Amino acid sequence: MHRRFLRELDWTIILVALLLCAWGLVMIYSARRAQGDGLYFVRKQAIAMSVGIVAMFVVASIPIQMWQRWTAWLYTANIALLVYVDFFGRTTKGAQRWIPLPGGFNLQPSELAKIIVILTLAHWLATREERIRSPALVVKSLLYIGLPVLLIFKQPDLGTALVVMAIWFGMMMLGGARLKHLGVVLLVGAIAFTAMWHLNVLEDYQKNRLVAFLNPQRDPRGSGYHILQARIAVGSGQVFGKGLFHGTQNLLLFIPEQHTDFIFTVVAEETGFTGSVTLLALYGVLLWRLMRLILQAHHFYTRLIAAGITTFFAYHIVVNTGMVIGILPVVGVWLPFLSFGGTAVVTCFVALGLMQAIHRQQYEVMF
């Protein structure tokens, strides 16, 4: 790589991401160790991480403004992949979200959709900057992202659909939309959610998750099981944890999906409050560096991309840790760089690649 290119990168972001990845591999191994396939999952995740790191540098080398030329193609490809998975995708645990790939890997288009929505919505809004404070533009922007959101919701994947909606909200708010207009959208969304609940649009398991959040003791062996076991794991770690590979909730397989959505329970139980705070501090550094790029962006288009990506990471971090410790409902949101998931970790690195491209642009302006 050219030395100038390397100098233009934000190495704090890269270092934090690599530290999180290394920590994630250890936690994934610990989460799957009792089932005898820890190294298998670690190898798969390490391969995905390697692909993601390469993708990050490639994306970082592309001038950020270049993506505007491909907006129509990206939007079309996004819809095509989501439609394809709806007809031909692999179904697991009642959800049809994955496209099988060679080597035992799977592509999850809904994860890529998050980045594509950021890029395409940023261009769409940038060409209408002077109207972003109008209520009509707020409605039209919702219609613009409506099709991918509906296709994701149909899989069904409420968690990812909510992530995309959070990204839209973050981009609109930081892009200058009126808060009262966004507040109306939230109110309408709450009314629509209530209607979907009573009209049985939501799946039974989705309803049960919300009921369990309000009262997990109502069904401790069913819908409330995840929440109760997660609380036990987090609390039992105390200050310094039980030590790596010595978590009883982990080894006795009390927590389902502990290598994906509930990997924070492994961190809390084995490294305790100290390890949990250290992990959150690393995420804090990552979000701080990303938020700096929002403030430093000279162009409306790049500021919107930075806002979308920062919202993407913040939502995943806050919602995942919140649902594990029981202050938010379980919605199936993974923890960036730690949770097992090939498409997820590649998506995270592509997002960082876009932020690096923005950082390089600001670096060139300054120097």
Protein backbone atom coordinates (compact mmCIF):
# COMPACT_ATOMS: atom_id res chain seq x y z
CA MET A 1 0.00 0.00 0.00
CA HIS A 2 1.11 3.55 -0.69
CA ARG A 3 2.50 5.28 2.41
CA ARG A 4 0.32 8.33 1.83
CA PHE A 5 -2.79 6.17 1.81
CA LEU A 6 -1.78 4.59 5.12
CA ARG A 7 -1.10 7.99 6.69
CA GLU A 8 -4.56 9.19 5.73
CA LEU A 9 -6.33 6.43 7.69
CA ASP A 10 -7.72 6.74 11.21
CA TRP A 11 -5.67 4.02 12.89
CA THR A 12 -7.43 4.44 16.22
CA ILE A 13 -10.63 3.13 14.64
CA ILE A 14 -8.78 0.25 12.98
CA LEU A 15 -6.94 -0.71 16.18
CA VAL A 16 -10.16 -0.71 18.24
CA ALA A 17 -11.92 -2.84 15.62
CA LEU A 18 -9.06 -5.37 15.59
CA LEU A 19 -9.02 -5.54 19.41
CA LEU A 20 -12.77 -6.19 19.40
CA CYS A 21 -12.34 -8.89 16.76
CA ALA A 22 -9.63 -10.65 18.79
CA TRP A 23 -11.82 -10.48 21.90
CA GLY A 24 -14.73 -11.78 19.87
CA LEU A 25 -12.82 -14.85 18.68
CA VAL A 26 -11.99 -15.77 22.28
CA MET A 27 -15.60 -15.30 23.36
CA ILE A 28 -16.96 -17.31 20.41
CA TYR A 29 -14.60 -20.17 21.27
CA SER A 30 -15.71 -20.05 24.90
CA ALA A 31 -19.39 -19.94 23.91
CA ARG A 32 -19.10 -23.02 21.67
CA ARG A 33 -16.42 -24.91 23.63
CA ALA A 34 -18.85 -27.03 25.62
CA GLN A 35 -20.45 -28.22 22.37
CA GLY A 36 -17.10 -29.31 20.96
CA ASP A 37 -17.12 -27.07 17.87
CA GLY A 38 -15.46 -23.94 19.23
CA LEU A 39 -12.52 -24.00 16.83
CA TYR A 40 -14.82 -24.58 13.85
CA PHE A 41 -16.77 -21.42 14.60
CA VAL A 42 -13.57 -19.49 15.34
CA ARG A 43 -12.11 -20.49 11.95
CA LYS A 44 -15.26 -19.43 10.10
CA GLN A 45 -15.35 -16.11 11.91
CA ALA A 46 -11.63 -15.51 11.35
CA ILE A 47 -12.08 -16.08 7.61
CA ALA A 48 -14.99 -13.63 7.53
CA MET A 49 -12.94 -11.10 9.50
CA SER A 50 -10.08 -11.43 7.04
CA VAL A 51 -12.45 -10.82 4.14
CA GLY A 52 -13.89 -7.84 6.01
CA ILE A 53 -10.47 -6.30 6.68
CA VAL A 54 -9.52 -6.55 3.01
CA ALA A 55 -12.91 -5.07 2.05
CA MET A 56 -12.34 -2.19 4.49
CA PHE A 57 -9.06 -1.18 2.84
CA VAL A 58 -10.54 -1.53 -0.65
CA VAL A 59 -13.56 0.61 0.23
CA ALA A 60 -11.31 3.14 1.99
CA SER A 61 -9.31 3.54 -1.24
CA ILE A 62 -12.42 4.58 -3.22
CA PRO A 63 -13.21 8.33 -3.10
CA ILE A 64 -16.37 8.67 -1.04
CA GLN A 65 -18.12 10.82 -3.67
CA MET A 66 -17.74 7.97 -6.19
CA TRP A 67 -20.56 6.01 -4.56
CA GLN A 68 -23.07 8.58 -5.77
CA ARG A 69 -22.58 7.34 -9.34
CA TRP A 70 -23.71 3.86 -8.35
CA THR A 71 -26.77 4.79 -6.28
CA ALA A 72 -29.35 3.42 -8.75
CA TRP A 73 -27.42 0.17 -9.18
CA LEU A 74 -26.97 -0.25 -5.43
CA TYR A 75 -30.65 0.33 -4.71
CA THR A 76 -31.67 -2.14 -7.43
CA ALA A 77 -29.16 -4.76 -6.25
CA ASN A 78 -30.42 -4.35 -2.68
CA ILE A 79 -34.03 -5.01 -3.68
CA ALA A 80 -33.01 -7.89 -5.97
CA LEU A 81 -31.09 -9.67 -3.19
CA LEU A 82 -33.93 -9.22 -0.69
CA VAL A 83 -36.47 -10.54 -3.21
CA TYR A 84 -34.18 -13.46 -4.12
CA VAL A 85 -33.78 -14.54 -0.49
CA ASP A 86 -37.57 -14.32 -0.09
CA PHE A 87 -38.02 -16.97 -2.80
CA PHE A 88 -34.86 -19.06 -2.66
CA GLY A 89 -33.21 -18.32 0.67
CA ARG A 90 -32.38 -20.92 3.30
CA THR A 91 -34.83 -21.11 6.21
CA THR A 92 -33.54 -21.57 9.76
CA LYS A 93 -35.72 -21.48 12.89
CA GLY A 94 -38.66 -20.15 10.92
CA ALA A 95 -36.79 -17.26 9.28
CA GLN A 96 -35.79 -17.16 5.60
CA ARG A 97 -32.78 -14.84 5.60
CA TRP A 98 -29.75 -16.59 4.12
CA ILE A 99 -28.32 -17.42 0.70
CA PRO A 100 -26.05 -20.52 0.86
CA LEU A 101 -22.48 -20.01 -0.40
CA PRO A 102 -19.68 -22.52 -1.10
CA GLY A 103 -17.60 -23.66 1.86
CA GLY A 104 -20.45 -23.73 4.34
CA PHE A 105 -20.85 -19.95 4.42
CA ASN A 106 -24.09 -17.99 4.10
CA LEU A 107 -24.85 -14.51 2.79
CA GLN A 108 -27.44 -12.51 4.69
CA PRO A 109 -28.71 -9.76 2.35
CA SER A 110 -30.53 -7.93 5.15
CA GLU A 111 -27.15 -7.13 6.75
CA LEU A 112 -25.76 -5.67 3.53
CA ALA A 113 -29.02 -3.74 3.15
CA LYS A 114 -28.05 -1.57 6.13
CA ILE A 115 -24.98 -0.20 4.34
CA ILE A 116 -26.74 0.08 0.99
CA VAL A 117 -29.61 2.03 2.58
CA ILE A 118 -27.08 4.45 4.09
CA LEU A 119 -25.35 5.06 0.74
CA THR A 120 -28.51 5.37 -1.33
CA LEU A 121 -30.50 7.41 1.17
CA ALA A 122 -27.54 9.77 1.64
CA HIS A 123 -27.47 10.50 -2.09
CA TRP A 124 -31.27 10.85 -2.28
CA LEU A 125 -31.29 13.35 0.60
CA ALA A 126 -28.21 15.22 -0.63
CA THR A 127 -29.96 16.03 -3.90
CA ARG A 128 -32.87 17.48 -1.87
CA GLU A 129 -30.90 19.24 0.87
CA GLU A 130 -32.88 22.46 0.64
CA ARG A 131 -36.16 20.60 1.37
CA ILE A 132 -35.04 18.37 4.24
CA ARG A 133 -36.98 20.46 6.80
CA SER A 134 -40.26 19.99 4.97
CA PRO A 135 -42.81 17.37 6.12
CA ALA A 136 -43.28 16.20 2.52
CA LEU A 137 -39.63 15.17 2.26
CA VAL A 138 -39.88 13.21 5.51
CA VAL A 139 -42.78 11.21 4.08
CA LYS A 140 -41.03 10.68 0.73
CA SER A 141 -37.83 9.52 2.46
CA LEU A 142 -39.87 6.93 4.36
CA LEU A 143 -41.34 5.71 1.09
CA TYR A 144 -37.81 5.55 -0.37
CA ILE A 145 -36.65 3.08 2.30
CA GLY A 146 -40.07 1.47 2.67
CA LEU A 147 -39.58 -1.36 0.17
CA PRO A 148 -36.34 -2.76 1.65
CA VAL A 149 -37.78 -2.41 5.16
CA LEU A 150 -40.93 -4.34 4.21
CA LEU A 151 -38.92 -7.07 2.48
CA ILE A 152 -36.71 -7.45 5.57
CA PHE A 153 -39.74 -7.46 7.90
CA LYS A 154 -41.34 -10.18 5.76
CA GLN A 155 -38.45 -12.65 6.28
CA PRO A 156 -39.41 -12.18 9.23
CA ASP A 157 -36.63 -10.04 10.73
CA LEU A 158 -38.11 -7.34 12.92
CA GLY A 159 -34.74 -6.62 14.56
CA THR A 160 -33.00 -5.71 11.30
CA ALA A 161 -36.02 -3.74 10.07
CA LEU A 162 -35.80 -1.66 13.25
CA VAL A 163 -32.07 -1.11 12.66
CA VAL A 164 -32.80 0.30 9.19
CA MET A 165 -35.49 2.55 10.65
CA ALA A 166 -33.04 3.75 13.33
CA ILE A 167 -30.50 4.52 10.60
CA TRP A 168 -33.14 6.55 8.74
CA PHE A 169 -33.98 8.45 11.93
CA GLY A 170 -30.32 9.20 12.70
CA MET A 171 -29.61 10.42 9.17
CA MET A 172 -32.71 12.60 9.09
CA MET A 173 -32.08 14.12 12.51
CA LEU A 174 -28.39 14.84 11.97
CA GLY A 175 -29.18 15.97 8.43
CA GLY A 176 -31.33 18.80 9.75
CA ALA A 177 -34.93 17.53 9.66
CA ARG A 178 -37.33 19.15 12.11
CA LEU A 179 -37.63 17.22 15.36
CA LYS A 180 -41.40 17.74 15.46
CA HIS A 181 -41.73 15.99 12.11
CA LEU A 182 -39.62 13.07 13.34
CA GLY A 183 -41.70 13.01 16.52
CA VAL A 184 -44.86 12.62 14.46
CA VAL A 185 -43.24 9.69 12.64
CA LEU A 186 -42.47 8.03 16.00
CA LEU A 187 -46.07 8.55 17.13
CA VAL A 188 -47.45 7.09 13.90
CA GLY A 189 -45.00 4.21 14.24
CA ALA A 190 -46.26 3.46 17.75
CA ILE A 191 -49.85 3.47 16.50
CA ALA A 192 -48.93 1.21 13.57
CA PHE A 193 -47.13 -1.20 15.94
CA THR A 194 -50.23 -1.38 18.13
CA ALA A 195 -52.38 -2.08 15.09
CA MET A 196 -50.01 -4.83 13.88
CA TRP A 197 -50.16 -6.39 17.35
CA HIS A 198 -53.96 -6.55 17.44
CA LEU A 199 -54.28 -7.56 13.78
CA ASN A 200 -51.79 -10.43 14.32
CA VAL A 201 -49.33 -9.11 11.76
CA LEU A 202 -46.52 -9.76 14.23
CA GLU A 203 -45.36 -13.34 14.74
CA ASP A 204 -46.25 -15.02 18.04
CA TYR A 205 -42.60 -15.22 19.10
CA GLN A 206 -42.21 -11.47 18.49
CA LYS A 207 -45.18 -10.76 20.75
CA ASN A 208 -43.89 -13.16 23.38
CA ARG A 209 -40.54 -11.38 23.48
CA LEU A 210 -42.18 -8.09 24.38
CA VAL A 211 -44.43 -9.69 26.97
CA ALA A 212 -41.40 -11.48 28.44
CA PHE A 213 -39.51 -8.19 28.66
CA LEU A 214 -42.31 -6.69 30.76
CA ASN A 215 -42.67 -9.80 32.95
CA PRO A 216 -40.11 -12.59 32.32
CA GLN A 217 -41.36 -14.54 35.37
CA ARG A 218 -44.67 -15.09 33.58
CA ASP A 219 -43.08 -17.80 31.42
CA PRO A 220 -39.64 -18.59 32.93
CA ARG A 221 -39.14 -21.75 30.86
CA GLY A 222 -40.43 -20.26 27.62
CA SER A 223 -40.38 -16.68 26.35
CA GLY A 224 -38.79 -15.34 29.56
CA TYR A 225 -36.00 -17.91 29.60
CA HIS A 226 -33.45 -15.85 27.61
CA ILE A 227 -33.86 -12.79 29.82
CA LEU A 228 -33.70 -14.63 33.13
CA GLN A 229 -30.67 -16.73 32.21
CA ALA A 230 -28.88 -13.69 30.78
CA ARG A 231 -29.42 -11.80 34.04
CA ILE A 232 -28.03 -14.72 36.03
CA ALA A 233 -24.95 -14.87 33.79
CA VAL A 234 -24.28 -11.14 33.96
CA GLY A 235 -24.79 -10.97 37.72
CA SER A 236 -22.73 -14.06 38.51
CA GLY A 237 -19.64 -12.51 36.90
CA GLN A 238 -19.47 -9.99 39.77
CA VAL A 239 -16.38 -7.72 39.68
CA PHE A 240 -13.66 -9.76 37.99
CA GLY A 241 -15.58 -12.71 36.53
CA LYS A 242 -15.19 -16.44 36.86
CA GLY A 243 -12.23 -16.58 34.47
CA LEU A 244 -11.96 -17.40 30.78
CA PHE A 245 -13.71 -20.67 29.84
CA HIS A 246 -15.10 -21.08 33.37
CA GLY A 247 -18.57 -19.59 33.01
CA THR A 248 -21.14 -22.02 34.37
CA GLN A 249 -24.09 -20.55 32.47
CA ASN A 250 -21.94 -20.91 29.39
CA LEU A 251 -20.54 -24.41 29.94
CA LEU A 252 -23.91 -25.83 31.01
CA LEU A 253 -25.59 -24.35 27.91
CA PHE A 254 -28.21 -22.45 29.84
CA ILE A 255 -28.18 -19.53 27.40
CA PRO A 256 -29.37 -20.09 23.81
CA GLU A 257 -27.58 -18.26 20.97
CA GLN A 258 -24.74 -17.31 23.32
CA HIS A 259 -22.22 -17.09 20.47
CA THR A 260 -24.40 -14.65 18.49
CA ASP A 261 -26.98 -12.30 20.02
CA PHE A 262 -26.13 -13.14 23.64
CA ILE A 263 -22.34 -13.14 23.50
CA PHE A 264 -22.24 -10.27 26.00
CA THR A 265 -23.36 -12.75 28.66
CA VAL A 266 -20.13 -14.70 28.09
CA VAL A 267 -18.11 -11.50 28.47
CA ALA A 268 -19.93 -10.50 31.66
CA GLU A 269 -19.80 -13.93 33.29
CA GLU A 270 -16.17 -14.71 32.52
CA THR A 271 -14.58 -11.25 32.82
CA GLY A 272 -17.06 -9.64 35.20
CA PHE A 273 -17.90 -5.98 35.64
CA THR A 274 -14.29 -5.04 34.88
CA GLY A 275 -14.27 -6.77 31.52
CA SER A 276 -17.73 -5.50 30.62
CA VAL A 277 -16.78 -1.89 31.34
CA THR A 278 -13.55 -2.32 29.36
CA LEU A 279 -15.52 -3.65 26.40
CA LEU A 280 -18.00 -0.77 26.59
CA ALA A 281 -15.07 1.67 26.84
CA LEU A 282 -13.67 0.30 23.57
CA TYR A 283 -17.06 0.79 21.95
CA GLY A 284 -17.12 4.29 23.41
CA VAL A 285 -13.79 5.10 21.74
CA LEU A 286 -15.09 3.72 18.45
CA LEU A 287 -18.28 5.81 18.59
CA TRP A 288 -16.31 8.91 19.62
CA ARG A 289 -14.04 8.63 16.59
CA LEU A 290 -17.01 8.06 14.31
CA MET A 291 -18.92 11.04 15.72
CA ARG A 292 -15.88 13.25 15.12
CA LEU A 293 -16.17 12.49 11.42
CA ILE A 294 -19.79 13.70 11.40
CA LEU A 295 -18.63 17.07 12.72
CA GLN A 296 -15.63 17.23 10.39
CA ALA A 297 -17.45 16.30 7.17
CA HIS A 298 -17.45 19.26 4.78
CA HIS A 299 -20.13 17.96 2.42
CA PHE A 300 -23.77 17.19 3.21
CA TYR A 301 -23.54 13.82 1.44
CA THR A 302 -20.53 12.63 3.46
CA ARG A 303 -22.04 13.97 6.69
CA LEU A 304 -25.16 11.90 6.06
CA ILE A 305 -23.11 8.75 5.45
CA ALA A 306 -21.14 9.35 8.65
CA ALA A 307 -24.40 9.92 10.55
CA GLY A 308 -25.93 6.70 9.19
CA ILE A 309 -22.90 4.56 10.01
CA THR A 310 -22.51 6.03 13.49
CA THR A 311 -26.21 5.39 14.16
CA PHE A 312 -25.80 1.84 12.84
CA PHE A 313 -23.02 1.03 15.32
CA ALA A 314 -24.61 2.92 18.23
CA TYR A 315 -27.96 1.17 17.79
CA HIS A 316 -26.37 -2.29 17.71
CA ILE A 317 -24.22 -1.62 20.78
CA VAL A 318 -26.94 -0.02 22.91
CA VAL A 319 -29.75 -2.40 21.98
CA ASN A 320 -27.68 -5.59 22.26
CA THR A 321 -26.23 -4.78 25.68
CA GLY A 322 -29.59 -3.38 26.78
CA MET A 323 -31.51 -6.53 25.90
CA VAL A 324 -28.88 -8.76 27.57
CA ILE A 325 -29.07 -6.93 30.90
CA GLY A 326 -32.86 -6.76 30.68
CA ILE A 327 -33.56 -3.05 30.14
CA LEU A 328 -34.66 -3.48 26.51
CA PRO A 329 -36.75 -6.18 24.77
CA VAL A 330 -35.00 -9.04 22.97
CA VAL A 331 -35.07 -8.12 19.27
CA GLY A 332 -32.28 -10.25 17.80
CA VAL A 333 -29.56 -7.61 17.37
CA TRP A 334 -25.91 -8.73 17.37
CA LEU A 335 -22.88 -7.05 19.00
CA PRO A 336 -20.46 -5.50 16.45
CA PHE A 337 -17.22 -7.45 15.91
CA LEU A 338 -17.94 -9.82 18.84
CA SER A 339 -20.99 -11.81 17.80
CA PHE A 340 -20.56 -14.72 15.41
CA GLY A 341 -21.79 -13.93 11.92
CA GLY A 342 -19.86 -13.70 8.68
CA THR A 343 -22.03 -11.20 6.82
CA ALA A 344 -22.36 -9.10 9.97
CA VAL A 345 -18.63 -8.69 10.55
CA VAL A 346 -17.96 -7.99 6.86
CA THR A 347 -20.71 -5.36 6.96
CA CYS A 348 -19.04 -3.73 9.97
CA PHE A 349 -15.69 -3.53 8.19
CA VAL A 350 -17.26 -2.16 5.00
CA ALA A 351 -18.92 0.52 7.17
CA LEU A 352 -15.53 1.38 8.66
CA GLY A 353 -14.06 1.48 5.15
CA LEU A 354 -16.59 4.15 4.19
CA MET A 355 -15.69 6.13 7.32
CA GLN A 356 -12.01 5.80 6.45
CA ALA A 357 -12.75 7.19 2.98
CA ILE A 358 -14.44 10.18 4.64
CA HIS A 359 -11.43 10.58 6.97
CA ARG A 360 -9.07 10.51 4.00
CA GLN A 361 -11.10 13.21 2.30
CA GLN A 362 -10.86 15.46 5.37
CA TYR A 363 -7.15 14.68 5.69
CA GLU A 364 -6.53 15.81 2.12
CA VAL A 365 -8.45 19.05 2.77
CA MET A 366 -6.34 19.77 5.86
CA PHE A 367 -2.99 18.87 4.37
